[in-house]
Protein backbone atom coordinates (compact mmCIF):
# COMPACT_ATOMS: atom_id res chain seq x y z
CA MET A 1 64.79 3.46 104.06
CA THR A 2 67.60 0.95 104.39
CA GLY A 3 66.35 -0.83 101.27
CA ILE A 4 66.75 2.37 99.28
CA LEU A 5 70.25 2.94 100.64
CA ILE A 6 71.22 -0.62 99.75
CA MET A 7 69.87 -0.16 96.19
CA VAL A 8 71.79 3.14 95.80
CA ALA A 9 74.97 1.54 97.12
CA LEU A 10 74.59 -1.42 94.76
CA ALA A 11 73.94 0.94 91.83
CA LEU A 12 77.12 2.88 92.65
CA VAL A 13 79.18 -0.30 92.98
CA PHE A 14 77.85 -1.80 89.74
CA GLY A 15 78.22 1.54 87.92
CA ALA A 16 81.83 1.82 89.03
CA ALA A 17 82.48 -1.81 88.01
CA LEU A 18 80.97 -1.22 84.56
CA GLY A 19 82.98 1.99 84.10
CA TYR A 20 86.18 0.18 85.02
CA ALA A 21 85.35 -2.73 82.71
CA GLN A 22 84.70 -0.35 79.84
CA GLN A 23 88.11 1.26 80.30
CA ARG A 24 89.95 -1.99 80.89
CA LEU A 25 88.25 -4.10 78.22
CA ALA A 26 87.84 -1.49 75.48
CA ALA A 27 88.11 -2.82 71.94
CA ASN A 28 91.32 -1.85 70.20
CA ASP A 29 89.76 -1.08 66.84
CA ASP A 30 92.51 -0.02 64.47
CA PRO A 31 91.28 2.99 62.46
CA VAL A 32 93.42 1.95 59.47
CA VAL A 33 91.74 -1.46 59.41
CA ALA A 34 88.33 0.22 59.61
CA ARG A 35 89.18 2.52 56.68
CA ILE A 36 90.49 -0.39 54.59
CA ASP A 37 87.40 -2.45 55.45
CA ALA A 38 85.17 0.44 54.36
CA LEU A 39 86.77 0.37 50.90
CA LEU A 40 86.22 -3.35 50.39
CA PRO A 41 82.94 -4.44 48.73
CA GLN A 42 81.61 -6.34 51.79
CA THR A 43 80.59 -9.39 49.78
CA GLN A 44 82.21 -11.75 52.32
CA CYS A 45 82.90 -14.06 49.36
CA ALA A 46 86.31 -15.39 50.48
CA GLN A 47 87.73 -15.09 46.94
CA CYS A 48 90.73 -13.26 48.45
CA GLY A 49 91.64 -16.29 50.56
CA TYR A 50 90.26 -14.83 53.80
CA PRO A 51 86.87 -15.71 55.29
CA GLY A 52 85.51 -12.19 54.83
CA CYS A 53 86.31 -8.57 54.16
CA ARG A 54 87.27 -7.65 57.73
CA PRO A 55 89.96 -10.38 58.02
CA TYR A 56 91.31 -9.34 54.62
CA ALA A 57 91.40 -5.70 55.78
CA GLU A 58 93.38 -6.76 58.85
CA ALA A 59 95.80 -8.69 56.63
CA ILE A 60 96.24 -5.69 54.32
CA ALA A 61 96.99 -3.48 57.32
CA ALA A 62 99.60 -6.04 58.38
CA GLY A 63 101.26 -5.85 54.95
CA ASP A 64 99.43 -8.34 52.73
CA ALA A 65 98.82 -7.54 49.06
CA ILE A 66 96.01 -5.15 48.16
CA ASN A 67 95.14 -6.87 44.87
CA LYS A 68 93.32 -10.02 46.00
CA CYS A 69 89.68 -8.86 45.78
CA PRO A 70 88.04 -9.87 42.48
CA PRO A 71 84.59 -8.42 43.32
CA GLY A 72 86.18 -5.05 44.12
CA GLY A 73 88.24 -5.11 40.95
CA ALA A 74 90.81 -2.58 39.83
CA SER A 75 88.89 0.36 41.29
CA THR A 76 89.15 -1.09 44.82
CA VAL A 77 92.86 -1.79 44.31
CA ALA A 78 93.36 1.83 43.21
CA ARG A 79 91.48 3.21 46.24
CA LEU A 80 93.44 0.95 48.61
CA ALA A 81 96.71 1.99 46.98
CA GLU A 82 95.81 5.65 47.42
CA LEU A 83 94.80 5.16 51.06
CA LEU A 84 97.93 3.20 51.97
CA GLY A 85 100.44 4.95 49.74
CA ARG A 86 101.30 1.73 47.93
CA PRO A 87 101.56 1.16 44.19
CA ALA A 88 98.39 -0.05 42.51
CA GLU A 89 98.95 -3.52 41.12
CA PRO A 90 96.80 -5.57 38.75
CA LEU A 91 94.50 -8.13 40.34
CA ALA A 92 96.43 -11.14 41.62
CA ALA A 93 94.22 -13.59 39.74
CA ASP A 94 92.32 -12.95 36.56
CA PRO A 95 88.70 -13.27 37.67
CA GLY A 96 87.66 -14.04 34.09
CA PRO A 97 84.35 -12.87 32.73
CA PRO A 98 81.76 -11.88 35.34
CA ARG A 99 79.56 -14.81 36.31
CA VAL A 100 76.31 -15.27 38.15
CA ALA A 101 74.67 -18.28 39.70
CA PHE A 102 71.80 -19.86 37.80
CA ILE A 103 69.51 -22.35 39.52
CA ARG A 104 67.96 -25.01 37.30
CA GLU A 105 64.48 -24.77 38.77
CA GLU A 106 63.34 -28.18 37.53
CA ASP A 107 66.11 -29.79 39.62
CA CYS A 108 65.83 -27.61 42.74
CA ILE A 109 64.37 -29.39 45.77
CA GLY A 110 63.99 -26.25 47.91
CA CYS A 111 66.43 -27.25 50.63
CA THR A 112 67.49 -23.60 51.35
CA LEU A 113 71.17 -24.56 51.81
CA CYS A 114 72.20 -22.23 48.97
CA ILE A 115 70.25 -19.37 50.56
CA LYS A 116 72.13 -19.83 53.82
CA ALA A 117 75.48 -20.00 52.00
CA CYS A 118 75.00 -16.82 49.93
CA PRO A 119 76.88 -13.96 51.64
CA VAL A 120 74.97 -11.24 49.77
CA ASP A 121 71.43 -12.65 49.93
CA ALA A 122 71.23 -12.96 46.15
CA ILE A 123 69.22 -16.19 46.33
CA VAL A 124 65.54 -16.07 47.21
CA GLY A 125 63.03 -18.79 47.86
CA ALA A 126 61.45 -20.77 50.65
CA ALA A 127 61.76 -24.27 52.06
CA ARG A 128 60.52 -26.97 49.69
CA LEU A 129 59.95 -24.38 46.95
CA THR A 130 62.07 -23.47 43.96
CA HIS A 131 64.78 -20.88 44.49
CA THR A 132 66.04 -18.24 42.11
CA VAL A 133 68.97 -15.83 41.92
CA ILE A 134 68.76 -12.04 41.86
CA GLU A 135 71.37 -11.56 39.17
CA SER A 136 72.09 -7.92 40.00
CA GLU A 137 73.08 -8.97 43.55
CA CYS A 138 75.09 -12.11 42.72
CA THR A 139 78.86 -11.63 42.96
CA GLY A 140 79.74 -14.97 41.36
CA CYS A 141 81.62 -16.15 44.45
CA ASP A 142 80.66 -19.85 44.04
CA LEU A 143 79.83 -20.24 47.76
CA CYS A 144 76.37 -21.54 46.91
CA LEU A 145 77.72 -24.49 44.88
CA PRO A 146 79.17 -26.83 47.57
CA PRO A 147 76.11 -26.98 49.85
CA CYS A 148 73.67 -27.83 47.03
CA PRO A 149 72.81 -31.53 47.48
CA VAL A 150 71.37 -31.95 43.96
CA ASP A 151 73.96 -29.91 42.05
CA CYS A 152 71.32 -27.71 40.40
CA ILE A 153 73.35 -24.48 40.41
CA ASP A 154 75.49 -23.44 37.46
CA MET A 155 77.83 -20.48 37.24
CA ILE A 156 77.10 -18.76 33.95
CA PRO A 157 78.92 -15.83 32.35
CA VAL A 158 76.79 -12.70 32.57
CA ALA A 159 76.80 -12.16 28.78
CA GLU A 160 75.56 -15.73 28.21
CA ARG A 161 72.73 -15.32 30.72
CA ALA A 162 71.58 -12.07 29.11
CA ALA A 163 71.17 -13.82 25.76
């Protein structure tokens, strides 16, 4: 009987401690940041100068420019401007023609470093086998280029690849 009472007492103490911790340590998630983040394309490409979409959303909420997201394009800038009541501006940098990664299969050694670097899982393959790019998923962010030890990845304009 005493064992049961001890277990009940411990459950009450731990329950109270968890309830207090939840109140005291609650995340302060800014709803404006969450709404901005929901409008961004979630490519985590770092083309905006931030390591991902969430940090860029936090910077926008703090007053940074809303026109730094090439994958989102003008439509994302317009949605952000509407949400925040700011003027829609043209993209800060001309992204140029849309590009996709192209892996020269004869040079690929199957190291998988490009697969790990791709933030949108547009590269498929397995260790020690040739990799390829799912063009419809590739955002052209260039993040797969630096880790490639044999430099077998080229960024090709979409129109050129279609030909």
